[in-house]
Amino acid sequence: KSTLAPIVIGLFLLCSCNGQTKNDYQDYVYKKGDPNGIGKWYIGREI
């Protein structure tokens, strides 16, 4: 358990620092964009 903990923490930090997040179904990306958009993206297009 103590060996795996740093790996898990490292993966969490890596995912947290990539500037975007995905939903559970991996269909949508959330990131900043156009002020007239909602910050949710689908196949490269902001909604």
All heavy atoms as atom14 arrays in JSON, in Angstrom:
{
  "sequence": "KSTLAPIVIGLFLLCSCNGQTKNDYQDYVYKKGDPNGIGKWYIGREI",
  "atom14_mask": [
    [1, 1, 1, 1, 1, 1, 1, 1, 1, 0, 0, 0, 0, 0],
    [1, 1, 1, 1, 1, 1, 0, 0, 0, 0, 0, 0, 0, 0],
    [1, 1, 1, 1, 1, 1, 1, 0, 0, 0, 0, 0, 0, 0],
    [1, 1, 1, 1, 1, 1, 1, 1, 0, 0, 0, 0, 0, 0],
    [1, 1, 1, 1, 1, 0, 0, 0, 0, 0, 0, 0, 0, 0],
    [1, 1, 1, 1, 1, 1, 1, 0, 0, 0, 0, 0, 0, 0],
    [1, 1, 1, 1, 1, 1, 1, 1, 0, 0, 0, 0, 0, 0],
    [1, 1, 1, 1, 1, 1, 1, 0, 0, 0, 0, 0, 0, 0],
    [1, 1, 1, 1, 1, 1, 1, 1, 0, 0, 0, 0, 0, 0],
    [1, 1, 1, 1, 0, 0, 0, 0, 0, 0, 0, 0, 0, 0],
    [1, 1, 1, 1, 1, 1, 1, 1, 0, 0, 0, 0, 0, 0],
    [1, 1, 1, 1, 1, 1, 1, 1, 1, 1, 1, 0, 0, 0],
    [1, 1, 1, 1, 1, 1, 1, 1, 0, 0, 0, 0, 0, 0],
    [1, 1, 1, 1, 1, 1, 1, 1, 0, 0, 0, 0, 0, 0],
    [1, 1, 1, 1, 1, 1, 0, 0, 0, 0, 0, 0, 0, 0],
    [1, 1, 1, 1, 1, 1, 0, 0, 0, 0, 0, 0, 0, 0],
    [1, 1, 1, 1, 1, 1, 0, 0, 0, 0, 0, 0, 0, 0],
    [1, 1, 1, 1, 1, 1, 1, 1, 0, 0, 0, 0, 0, 0],
    [1, 1, 1, 1, 0, 0, 0, 0, 0, 0, 0, 0, 0, 0],
    [1, 1, 1, 1, 1, 1, 1, 1, 1, 0, 0, 0, 0, 0],
    [1, 1, 1, 1, 1, 1, 1, 0, 0, 0, 0, 0, 0, 0],
    [1, 1, 1, 1, 1, 1, 1, 1, 1, 0, 0, 0, 0, 0],
    [1, 1, 1, 1, 1, 1, 1, 1, 0, 0, 0, 0, 0, 0],
    [1, 1, 1, 1, 1, 1, 1, 1, 0, 0, 0, 0, 0, 0],
    [1, 1, 1, 1, 1, 1, 1, 1, 1, 1, 1, 1, 0, 0],
    [1, 1, 1, 1, 1, 1, 1, 1, 1, 0, 0, 0, 0, 0],
    [1, 1, 1, 1, 1, 1, 1, 1, 0, 0, 0, 0, 0, 0],
    [1, 1, 1, 1, 1, 1, 1, 1, 1, 1, 1, 1, 0, 0],
    [1, 1, 1, 1, 1, 1, 1, 0, 0, 0, 0, 0, 0, 0],
    [1, 1, 1, 1, 1, 1, 1, 1, 1, 1, 1, 1, 0, 0],
    [1, 1, 1, 1, 1, 1, 1, 1, 1, 0, 0, 0, 0, 0],
    [1, 1, 1, 1, 1, 1, 1, 1, 1, 0, 0, 0, 0, 0],
    [1, 1, 1, 1, 0, 0, 0, 0, 0, 0, 0, 0, 0, 0],
    [1, 1, 1, 1, 1, 1, 1, 1, 0, 0, 0, 0, 0, 0],
    [1, 1, 1, 1, 1, 1, 1, 0, 0, 0, 0, 0, 0, 0],
    [1, 1, 1, 1, 1, 1, 1, 1, 0, 0, 0, 0, 0, 0],
    [1, 1, 1, 1, 0, 0, 0, 0, 0, 0, 0, 0, 0, 0],
    [1, 1, 1, 1, 1, 1, 1, 1, 0, 0, 0, 0, 0, 0],
    [1, 1, 1, 1, 0, 0, 0, 0, 0, 0, 0, 0, 0, 0],
    [1, 1, 1, 1, 1, 1, 1, 1, 1, 0, 0, 0, 0, 0],
    [1, 1, 1, 1, 1, 1, 1, 1, 1, 1, 1, 1, 1, 1],
    [1, 1, 1, 1, 1, 1, 1, 1, 1, 1, 1, 1, 0, 0],
    [1, 1, 1, 1, 1, 1, 1, 1, 0, 0, 0, 0, 0, 0],
    [1, 1, 1, 1, 0, 0, 0, 0, 0, 0, 0, 0, 0, 0],
    [1, 1, 1, 1, 1, 1, 1, 1, 1, 1, 1, 0, 0, 0],
    [1, 1, 1, 1, 1, 1, 1, 1, 1, 0, 0, 0, 0, 0],
    [1, 1, 1, 1, 1, 1, 1, 1, 0, 0, 0, 0, 0, 0]
  ],
  "atom14_positions": [
    [[0.83, -1.21, 0.0], [0.0, 0.0, 0.0], [0.86, 1.25, 0.0], [0.6, 2.22, -0.71], [-0.93, 0.0, 1.21], [-1.94, 1.12, 1.22], [-2.83, 1.06, 2.44], [-3.77, -0.12, 2.34], [-4.75, -0.1, 3.46], [0.0, 0.0, 0.0], [0.0, 0.0, 0.0], [0.0, 0.0, 0.0], [0.0, 0.0, 0.0], [0.0, 0.0, 0.0]],
    [[1.93, 1.27, 0.79], [2.78, 2.45, 0.87], [3.54, 2.65, -0.43], [3.88, 3.76, -0.8], [3.75, 2.32, 2.05], [4.6, 1.2, 1.86], [0.0, 0.0, 0.0], [0.0, 0.0, 0.0], [0.0, 0.0, 0.0], [0.0, 0.0, 0.0], [0.0, 0.0, 0.0], [0.0, 0.0, 0.0], [0.0, 0.0, 0.0], [0.0, 0.0, 0.0]],
    [[3.81, 1.58, -1.19], [4.51, 1.7, -2.47], [3.6, 2.29, -3.53], [4.01, 3.1, -4.36], [4.99, 0.31, -2.92], [5.86, -0.21, -1.93], [5.74, 0.4, -4.25], [0.0, 0.0, 0.0], [0.0, 0.0, 0.0], [0.0, 0.0, 0.0], [0.0, 0.0, 0.0], [0.0, 0.0, 0.0], [0.0, 0.0, 0.0], [0.0, 0.0, 0.0]],
    [[2.33, 1.91, -3.52], [1.39, 2.38, -4.53], [0.93, 3.8, -4.29], [0.59, 4.51, -5.23], [0.15, 1.47, -4.56], [0.36, 0.07, -5.16], [-0.88, -0.76, -4.96], [0.7, 0.18, -6.64], [0.0, 0.0, 0.0], [0.0, 0.0, 0.0], [0.0, 0.0, 0.0], [0.0, 0.0, 0.0], [0.0, 0.0, 0.0], [0.0, 0.0, 0.0]],
    [[0.94, 4.25, -3.04], [0.39, 5.58, -2.72], [1.04, 6.7, -3.51], [0.34, 7.54, -4.08], [0.52, 5.83, -1.22], [0.0, 0.0, 0.0], [0.0, 0.0, 0.0], [0.0, 0.0, 0.0], [0.0, 0.0, 0.0], [0.0, 0.0, 0.0], [0.0, 0.0, 0.0], [0.0, 0.0, 0.0], [0.0, 0.0, 0.0], [0.0, 0.0, 0.0]],
    [[2.38, 6.79, -3.61], [2.98, 7.88, -4.38], [2.6, 7.83, -5.86], [2.45, 8.86, -6.51], [4.49, 7.66, -4.19], [4.61, 6.83, -2.96], [3.41, 5.95, -2.96], [0.0, 0.0, 0.0], [0.0, 0.0, 0.0], [0.0, 0.0, 0.0], [0.0, 0.0, 0.0], [0.0, 0.0, 0.0], [0.0, 0.0, 0.0], [0.0, 0.0, 0.0]],
    [[2.41, 6.62, -6.4], [2.03, 6.49, -7.81], [0.63, 7.05, -8.03], [0.37, 7.8, -8.97], [2.09, 5.02, -8.24], [3.53, 4.5, -8.14], [1.57, 4.85, -9.67], [3.65, 3.01, -8.41], [0.0, 0.0, 0.0], [0.0, 0.0, 0.0], [0.0, 0.0, 0.0], [0.0, 0.0, 0.0], [0.0, 0.0, 0.0], [0.0, 0.0, 0.0]],
    [[-0.28, 6.68, -7.12], [-1.66, 7.16, -7.23], [-1.71, 8.67, -7.12], [-2.39, 9.36, -7.89], [-2.55, 6.51, -6.15], [-3.93, 7.12, -6.15], [-2.63, 5.0, -6.39], [0.0, 0.0, 0.0], [0.0, 0.0, 0.0], [0.0, 0.0, 0.0], [0.0, 0.0, 0.0], [0.0, 0.0, 0.0], [0.0, 0.0, 0.0], [0.0, 0.0, 0.0]],
    [[-0.97, 9.22, -6.16], [-0.95, 10.67, -5.97], [-0.38, 11.35, -7.2], [-0.89, 12.37, -7.68], [-0.13, 11.04, -4.72], [-0.87, 10.54, -3.46], [0.09, 12.54, -4.63], [-0.05, 10.65, -2.2], [0.0, 0.0, 0.0], [0.0, 0.0, 0.0], [0.0, 0.0, 0.0], [0.0, 0.0, 0.0], [0.0, 0.0, 0.0], [0.0, 0.0, 0.0]],
    [[0.68, 10.76, -7.76], [1.3, 11.35, -8.95], [0.36, 11.37, -10.13], [0.29, 12.36, -10.88], [0.0, 0.0, 0.0], [0.0, 0.0, 0.0], [0.0, 0.0, 0.0], [0.0, 0.0, 0.0], [0.0, 0.0, 0.0], [0.0, 0.0, 0.0], [0.0, 0.0, 0.0], [0.0, 0.0, 0.0], [0.0, 0.0, 0.0], [0.0, 0.0, 0.0]],
    [[-0.38, 10.28, -10.34], [-1.35, 10.24, -11.43], [-2.44, 11.27, -11.23], [-2.9, 11.91, -12.18], [-1.96, 8.84, -11.52], [-1.04, 7.74, -12.06], [-1.71, 6.38, -11.91], [-0.68, 8.0, -13.52], [0.0, 0.0, 0.0], [0.0, 0.0, 0.0], [0.0, 0.0, 0.0], [0.0, 0.0, 0.0], [0.0, 0.0, 0.0], [0.0, 0.0, 0.0]],
    [[-2.91, 11.43, -9.99], [-3.94, 12.43, -9.68], [-3.45, 13.83, -10.02], [-4.16, 14.63, -10.64], [-4.32, 12.35, -8.21], [-5.29, 13.42, -7.79], [-6.63, 13.3, -8.09], [-4.85, 14.55, -7.12], [-7.53, 14.29, -7.73], [-5.74, 15.55, -6.76], [-7.07, 15.41, -7.06], [0.0, 0.0, 0.0], [0.0, 0.0, 0.0], [0.0, 0.0, 0.0]],
    [[-2.23, 14.14, -9.64], [-1.67, 15.47, -9.91], [-1.5, 15.7, -11.4], [-1.77, 16.78, -11.92], [-0.33, 15.64, -9.19], [-0.4, 15.74, -7.66], [1.02, 15.74, -7.08], [-1.16, 16.98, -7.23], [0.0, 0.0, 0.0], [0.0, 0.0, 0.0], [0.0, 0.0, 0.0], [0.0, 0.0, 0.0], [0.0, 0.0, 0.0], [0.0, 0.0, 0.0]],
    [[-1.09, 14.65, -12.13], [-0.92, 14.77, -13.57], [-2.23, 15.09, -14.25], [-2.32, 15.97, -15.09], [-0.34, 13.46, -14.13], [-0.13, 13.4, -15.66], [0.89, 14.47, -16.08], [0.33, 12.01, -16.08], [0.0, 0.0, 0.0], [0.0, 0.0, 0.0], [0.0, 0.0, 0.0], [0.0, 0.0, 0.0], [0.0, 0.0, 0.0], [0.0, 0.0, 0.0]],
    [[-3.3, 14.38, -13.85], [-4.62, 14.62, -14.44], [-5.16, 16.0, -14.07], [-5.88, 16.61, -14.82], [-5.61, 13.55, -13.99], [-5.2, 11.91, -14.63], [0.0, 0.0, 0.0], [0.0, 0.0, 0.0], [0.0, 0.0, 0.0], [0.0, 0.0, 0.0], [0.0, 0.0, 0.0], [0.0, 0.0, 0.0], [0.0, 0.0, 0.0], [0.0, 0.0, 0.0]],
    [[-4.81, 16.46, -12.86], [-5.34, 17.74, -12.39], [-4.66, 18.93, -13.06], [-5.2, 20.03, -13.06], [-5.14, 17.86, -10.87], [-5.83, 16.82, -10.22], [0.0, 0.0, 0.0], [0.0, 0.0, 0.0], [0.0, 0.0, 0.0], [0.0, 0.0, 0.0], [0.0, 0.0, 0.0], [0.0, 0.0, 0.0], [0.0, 0.0, 0.0], [0.0, 0.0, 0.0]],
    [[-3.49, 18.69, -13.64], [-2.72, 19.83, -14.18], [-2.79, 19.92, -15.69], [-2.09, 20.74, -16.28], [-1.26, 19.71, -13.74], [-1.02, 19.86, -11.95], [0.0, 0.0, 0.0], [0.0, 0.0, 0.0], [0.0, 0.0, 0.0], [0.0, 0.0, 0.0], [0.0, 0.0, 0.0], [0.0, 0.0, 0.0], [0.0, 0.0, 0.0], [0.0, 0.0, 0.0]],
    [[-3.6, 19.1, -16.36], [-3.58, 19.13, -17.82], [-4.53, 20.15, -18.41], [-4.67, 20.25, -19.61], [-3.89, 17.73, -18.39], [-5.31, 17.28, -18.09], [-6.07, 18.02, -17.48], [-5.64, 16.07, -18.52], [0.0, 0.0, 0.0], [0.0, 0.0, 0.0], [0.0, 0.0, 0.0], [0.0, 0.0, 0.0], [0.0, 0.0, 0.0], [0.0, 0.0, 0.0]],
    [[-5.21, 20.94, -17.58], [-6.03, 22.06, -18.05], [-7.41, 21.68, -18.52], [-8.16, 22.52, -18.99], [0.0, 0.0, 0.0], [0.0, 0.0, 0.0], [0.0, 0.0, 0.0], [0.0, 0.0, 0.0], [0.0, 0.0, 0.0], [0.0, 0.0, 0.0], [0.0, 0.0, 0.0], [0.0, 0.0, 0.0], [0.0, 0.0, 0.0], [0.0, 0.0, 0.0]],
    [[-7.78, 20.41, -18.44], [-9.12, 20.01, -18.84], [-9.51, 18.74, -18.1], [-8.68, 17.99, -17.63], [-9.2, 19.79, -20.35], [-8.3, 18.67, -20.85], [-8.29, 18.58, -22.37], [-8.27, 19.6, -23.04], [-8.32, 17.38, -22.88], [0.0, 0.0, 0.0], [0.0, 0.0, 0.0], [0.0, 0.0, 0.0], [0.0, 0.0, 0.0], [0.0, 0.0, 0.0]],
    [[-10.81, 18.53, -18.01], [-11.32, 17.32, -17.37], [-12.38, 16.72, -18.27], [-12.98, 17.4, -19.09], [-11.94, 17.63, -16.0], [-13.02, 18.57, -16.18], [-10.9, 18.22, -15.06], [0.0, 0.0, 0.0], [0.0, 0.0, 0.0], [0.0, 0.0, 0.0], [0.0, 0.0, 0.0], [0.0, 0.0, 0.0], [0.0, 0.0, 0.0], [0.0, 0.0, 0.0]],
    [[-12.63, 15.41, -18.08], [-13.66, 14.73, -18.85], [-14.72, 14.18, -17.91], [-14.45, 13.94, -16.75], [-13.06, 13.59, -19.68], [-12.21, 14.05, -20.86], [-11.84, 12.88, -21.75], [-11.09, 13.35, -22.98], [-10.77, 12.23, -23.89], [0.0, 0.0, 0.0], [0.0, 0.0, 0.0], [0.0, 0.0, 0.0], [0.0, 0.0, 0.0], [0.0, 0.0, 0.0]],
    [[-15.92, 13.96, -18.46], [-16.97, 13.4, -17.64], [-16.8, 11.88, -17.56], [-15.91, 11.29, -18.17], [-18.35, 13.78, -18.19], [-18.68, 13.05, -19.5], [-17.82, 12.49, -20.14], [-19.93, 13.1, -19.88], [0.0, 0.0, 0.0], [0.0, 0.0, 0.0], [0.0, 0.0, 0.0], [0.0, 0.0, 0.0], [0.0, 0.0, 0.0], [0.0, 0.0, 0.0]],
    [[-17.69, 11.23, -16.81], [-17.55, 9.79, -16.58], [-17.63, 8.98, -17.87], [-17.06, 7.91, -17.98], [-18.63, 9.32, -15.61], [-18.44, 9.89, -14.21], [-17.3, 10.3, -13.9], [-19.41, 9.93, -13.44], [0.0, 0.0, 0.0], [0.0, 0.0, 0.0], [0.0, 0.0, 0.0], [0.0, 0.0, 0.0], [0.0, 0.0, 0.0], [0.0, 0.0, 0.0]],
    [[-18.37, 9.47, -18.86], [-18.55, 8.71, -20.09], [-17.47, 9.04, -21.13], [-17.48, 8.48, -22.21], [-19.94, 9.0, -20.68], [-21.06, 8.62, -19.76], [-21.71, 9.58, -19.0], [-21.46, 7.3, -19.64], [-22.75, 9.23, -18.14], [-22.5, 6.94, -18.79], [-23.13, 7.91, -18.06], [-24.16, 7.56, -17.21], [0.0, 0.0, 0.0], [0.0, 0.0, 0.0]],
    [[-16.55, 9.92, -20.79], [-15.44, 10.28, -21.69], [-15.93, 10.91, -23.0], [-15.24, 10.83, -24.01], [-14.59, 9.04, -21.99], [-14.0, 8.39, -20.75], [-13.02, 9.28, -20.01], [-12.01, 9.71, -20.56], [-13.32, 9.58, -18.76], [0.0, 0.0, 0.0], [0.0, 0.0, 0.0], [0.0, 0.0, 0.0], [0.0, 0.0, 0.0], [0.0, 0.0, 0.0]],
    [[-17.11, 11.49, -23.0], [-17.65, 12.1, -24.2], [-17.39, 13.6, -24.26], [-17.27, 14.17, -25.35], [-19.17, 11.9, -24.27], [-19.54, 10.45, -24.47], [-18.76, 9.73, -25.11], [-20.59, 10.04, -23.96], [0.0, 0.0, 0.0], [0.0, 0.0, 0.0], [0.0, 0.0, 0.0], [0.0, 0.0, 0.0], [0.0, 0.0, 0.0], [0.0, 0.0, 0.0]],
    [[-17.32, 14.24, -23.12], [-17.24, 15.69, -23.07], [-15.99, 16.15, -22.33], [-15.55, 15.52, -21.37], [-18.5, 16.26, -22.39], [-19.76, 15.85, -23.1], [-20.66, 14.96, -22.51], [-20.06, 16.32, -24.37], [-21.81, 14.56, -23.17], [-21.2, 15.93, -25.04], [-22.08, 15.06, -24.44], [-23.21, 14.65, -25.1], [0.0, 0.0, 0.0], [0.0, 0.0, 0.0]],
    [[-15.44, 17.25, -22.8], [-14.26, 17.87, -22.19], [-14.69, 19.21, -21.62], [-15.45, 19.95, -22.26], [-13.14, 18.06, -23.23], [-11.99, 18.88, -22.65], [-12.63, 16.71, -23.71], [0.0, 0.0, 0.0], [0.0, 0.0, 0.0], [0.0, 0.0, 0.0], [0.0, 0.0, 0.0], [0.0, 0.0, 0.0], [0.0, 0.0, 0.0], [0.0, 0.0, 0.0]],
    [[-14.22, 19.53, -20.44], [-14.55, 20.8, -19.79], [-13.28, 21.64, -19.69], [-12.29, 21.21, -19.09], [-15.13, 20.54, -18.39], [-16.43, 19.79, -18.42], [-16.44, 18.39, -18.51], [-17.65, 20.44, -18.38], [-17.63, 17.67, -18.55], [-18.85, 19.73, -18.4], [-18.83, 18.35, -18.49], [-20.01, 17.65, -18.54], [0.0, 0.0, 0.0], [0.0, 0.0, 0.0]],
    [[-13.32, 22.82, -20.29], [-12.18, 23.74, -20.23], [-12.66, 25.13, -20.62], [-13.75, 25.3, -21.18], [-11.07, 23.28, -21.17], [-11.46, 23.21, -22.64], [-10.3, 22.73, -23.5], [-10.72, 22.66, -24.98], [-9.6, 22.21, -25.84], [0.0, 0.0, 0.0], [0.0, 0.0, 0.0], [0.0, 0.0, 0.0], [0.0, 0.0, 0.0], [0.0, 0.0, 0.0]],
    [[-11.86, 26.11, -20.34], [-12.22, 27.49, -20.68], [-12.18, 27.68, -22.18], [-11.39, 27.07, -22.89], [-11.25, 28.47, -20.0], [-11.41, 28.56, -18.49], [-10.47, 29.6, -17.9], [-10.65, 29.7, -16.39], [-9.74, 30.71, -15.8], [0.0, 0.0, 0.0], [0.0, 0.0, 0.0], [0.0, 0.0, 0.0], [0.0, 0.0, 0.0], [0.0, 0.0, 0.0]],
    [[-13.06, 28.57, -22.65], [-13.12, 28.83, -24.08], [-13.73, 30.18, -24.36], [-13.43, 31.17, -23.7], [0.0, 0.0, 0.0], [0.0, 0.0, 0.0], [0.0, 0.0, 0.0], [0.0, 0.0, 0.0], [0.0, 0.0, 0.0], [0.0, 0.0, 0.0], [0.0, 0.0, 0.0], [0.0, 0.0, 0.0], [0.0, 0.0, 0.0], [0.0, 0.0, 0.0]],
    [[-14.63, 30.22, -25.31], [-15.31, 31.45, -25.72], [-16.21, 31.94, -24.58], [-16.9, 31.13, -23.94], [-16.15, 31.16, -26.96], [-16.66, 32.41, -27.65], [-17.47, 33.14, -27.03], [-16.27, 32.66, -28.79], [0.0, 0.0, 0.0], [0.0, 0.0, 0.0], [0.0, 0.0, 0.0], [0.0, 0.0, 0.0], [0.0, 0.0, 0.0], [0.0, 0.0, 0.0]],
    [[-16.25, 33.24, -24.31], [-17.14, 33.75, -23.25], [-18.62, 33.49, -23.54], [-19.45, 33.51, -22.62], [-16.85, 35.26, -23.21], [-16.14, 35.56, -24.5], [-15.42, 34.31, -24.89], [0.0, 0.0, 0.0], [0.0, 0.0, 0.0], [0.0, 0.0, 0.0], [0.0, 0.0, 0.0], [0.0, 0.0, 0.0], [0.0, 0.0, 0.0], [0.0, 0.0, 0.0]],
    [[-18.96, 33.22, -24.8], [-20.34, 32.9, -25.15], [-20.6, 31.4, -25.13], [-21.71, 30.96, -25.45], [-20.67, 33.46, -26.53], [-20.58, 34.98, -26.57], [-21.37, 35.66, -25.94], [-19.6, 35.5, -27.3], [0.0, 0.0, 0.0], [0.0, 0.0, 0.0], [0.0, 0.0, 0.0], [0.0, 0.0, 0.0], [0.0, 0.0, 0.0], [0.0, 0.0, 0.0]],
    [[-19.6, 30.63, -24.73], [-19.76, 29.19, -24.61], [-19.91, 28.78, -23.17], [-19.76, 29.59, -22.25], [0.0, 0.0, 0.0], [0.0, 0.0, 0.0], [0.0, 0.0, 0.0], [0.0, 0.0, 0.0], [0.0, 0.0, 0.0], [0.0, 0.0, 0.0], [0.0, 0.0, 0.0], [0.0, 0.0, 0.0], [0.0, 0.0, 0.0], [0.0, 0.0, 0.0]],
    [[-20.2, 27.5, -22.94], [-20.45, 27.02, -21.57], [-19.23, 26.3, -20.98], [-19.32, 25.76, -19.88], [-21.68, 26.1, -21.53], [-21.45, 24.8, -22.32], [-22.92, 26.83, -22.04], [-22.56, 23.76, -22.15], [0.0, 0.0, 0.0], [0.0, 0.0, 0.0], [0.0, 0.0, 0.0], [0.0, 0.0, 0.0], [0.0, 0.0, 0.0], [0.0, 0.0, 0.0]],
    [[-18.11, 26.29, -21.71], [-16.92, 25.63, -21.19], [-16.98, 24.12, -21.3], [-16.21, 23.41, -20.65], [0.0, 0.0, 0.0], [0.0, 0.0, 0.0], [0.0, 0.0, 0.0], [0.0, 0.0, 0.0], [0.0, 0.0, 0.0], [0.0, 0.0, 0.0], [0.0, 0.0, 0.0], [0.0, 0.0, 0.0], [0.0, 0.0, 0.0], [0.0, 0.0, 0.0]],
    [[-17.88, 23.62, -22.12], [-18.04, 22.18, -22.34], [-17.86, 21.91, -23.83], [-18.48, 22.57, -24.67], [-19.43, 21.74, -21.88], [-19.72, 20.26, -22.0], [-21.12, 19.96, -21.46], [-21.48, 18.49, -21.53], [-22.84, 18.23, -21.0], [0.0, 0.0, 0.0], [0.0, 0.0, 0.0], [0.0, 0.0, 0.0], [0.0, 0.0, 0.0], [0.0, 0.0, 0.0]],
    [[-17.01, 20.94, -24.17], [-16.63, 20.68, -25.55], [-17.02, 19.28, -25.97], [-16.95, 18.34, -25.19], [-15.12, 20.86, -25.71], [-14.62, 22.23, -25.35], [-14.62, 22.82, -24.12], [-14.07, 23.2, -26.24], [-14.09, 24.09, -24.17], [-13.74, 24.35, -25.47], [-13.8, 23.22, -27.61], [-13.17, 25.48, -26.02], [-13.23, 24.34, -28.17], [-12.92, 25.46, -27.38]],
    [[-17.43, 19.16, -27.25], [-17.77, 17.87, -27.82], [-17.1, 17.73, -29.18], [-17.33, 18.55, -30.07], [-19.29, 17.74, -27.96], [-19.75, 16.43, -28.57], [-19.46, 15.21, -27.95], [-20.46, 16.4, -29.77], [-19.88, 14.01, -28.51], [-20.88, 15.21, -30.32], [-20.58, 14.02, -29.69], [-20.99, 12.82, -30.24], [0.0, 0.0, 0.0], [0.0, 0.0, 0.0]],
    [[-16.25, 16.75, -29.32], [-15.49, 16.49, -30.55], [-14.83, 17.77, -31.04], [-14.91, 18.14, -32.22], [-16.37, 15.85, -31.64], [-17.18, 14.68, -31.07], [-15.53, 15.34, -32.81], [-18.01, 13.92, -32.08], [0.0, 0.0, 0.0], [0.0, 0.0, 0.0], [0.0, 0.0, 0.0], [0.0, 0.0, 0.0], [0.0, 0.0, 0.0], [0.0, 0.0, 0.0]],
    [[-14.21, 18.5, -30.14], [-13.45, 19.68, -30.5], [-14.25, 20.96, -30.66], [-13.68, 21.99, -31.04], [0.0, 0.0, 0.0], [0.0, 0.0, 0.0], [0.0, 0.0, 0.0], [0.0, 0.0, 0.0], [0.0, 0.0, 0.0], [0.0, 0.0, 0.0], [0.0, 0.0, 0.0], [0.0, 0.0, 0.0], [0.0, 0.0, 0.0], [0.0, 0.0, 0.0]],
    [[-15.54, 20.93, -30.39], [-16.4, 22.12, -30.53], [-16.95, 22.52, -29.17], [-17.49, 21.69, -28.45], [-17.55, 21.83, -31.5], [-18.6, 22.97, -31.56], [-19.79, 22.57, -32.41], [-20.51, 21.41, -31.86], [-21.47, 21.5, -30.94], [-21.8, 22.68, -30.42], [-22.09, 20.4, -30.51], [0.0, 0.0, 0.0], [0.0, 0.0, 0.0], [0.0, 0.0, 0.0]],
    [[-16.85, 23.82, -28.86], [-17.44, 24.29, -27.61], [-18.93, 24.51, -27.79], [-19.38, 25.1, -28.78], [-16.79, 25.58, -27.13], [-17.3, 26.02, -25.75], [-16.61, 27.23, -25.18], [-15.88, 27.91, -25.94], [-16.8, 27.51, -23.99], [0.0, 0.0, 0.0], [0.0, 0.0, 0.0], [0.0, 0.0, 0.0], [0.0, 0.0, 0.0], [0.0, 0.0, 0.0]],
    [[-19.7, 24.05, -26.82], [-21.15, 24.21, -26.84], [-21.51, 25.64, -26.42], [-20.93, 26.18, -25.49], [-21.8, 23.18, -25.9], [-21.49, 21.76, -26.39], [-23.3, 23.4, -25.78], [-21.81, 20.67, -25.39], [0.0, 0.0, 0.0], [0.0, 0.0, 0.0], [0.0, 0.0, 0.0], [0.0, 0.0, 0.0], [0.0, 0.0, 0.0], [0.0, 0.0, 0.0]]
  ]
}
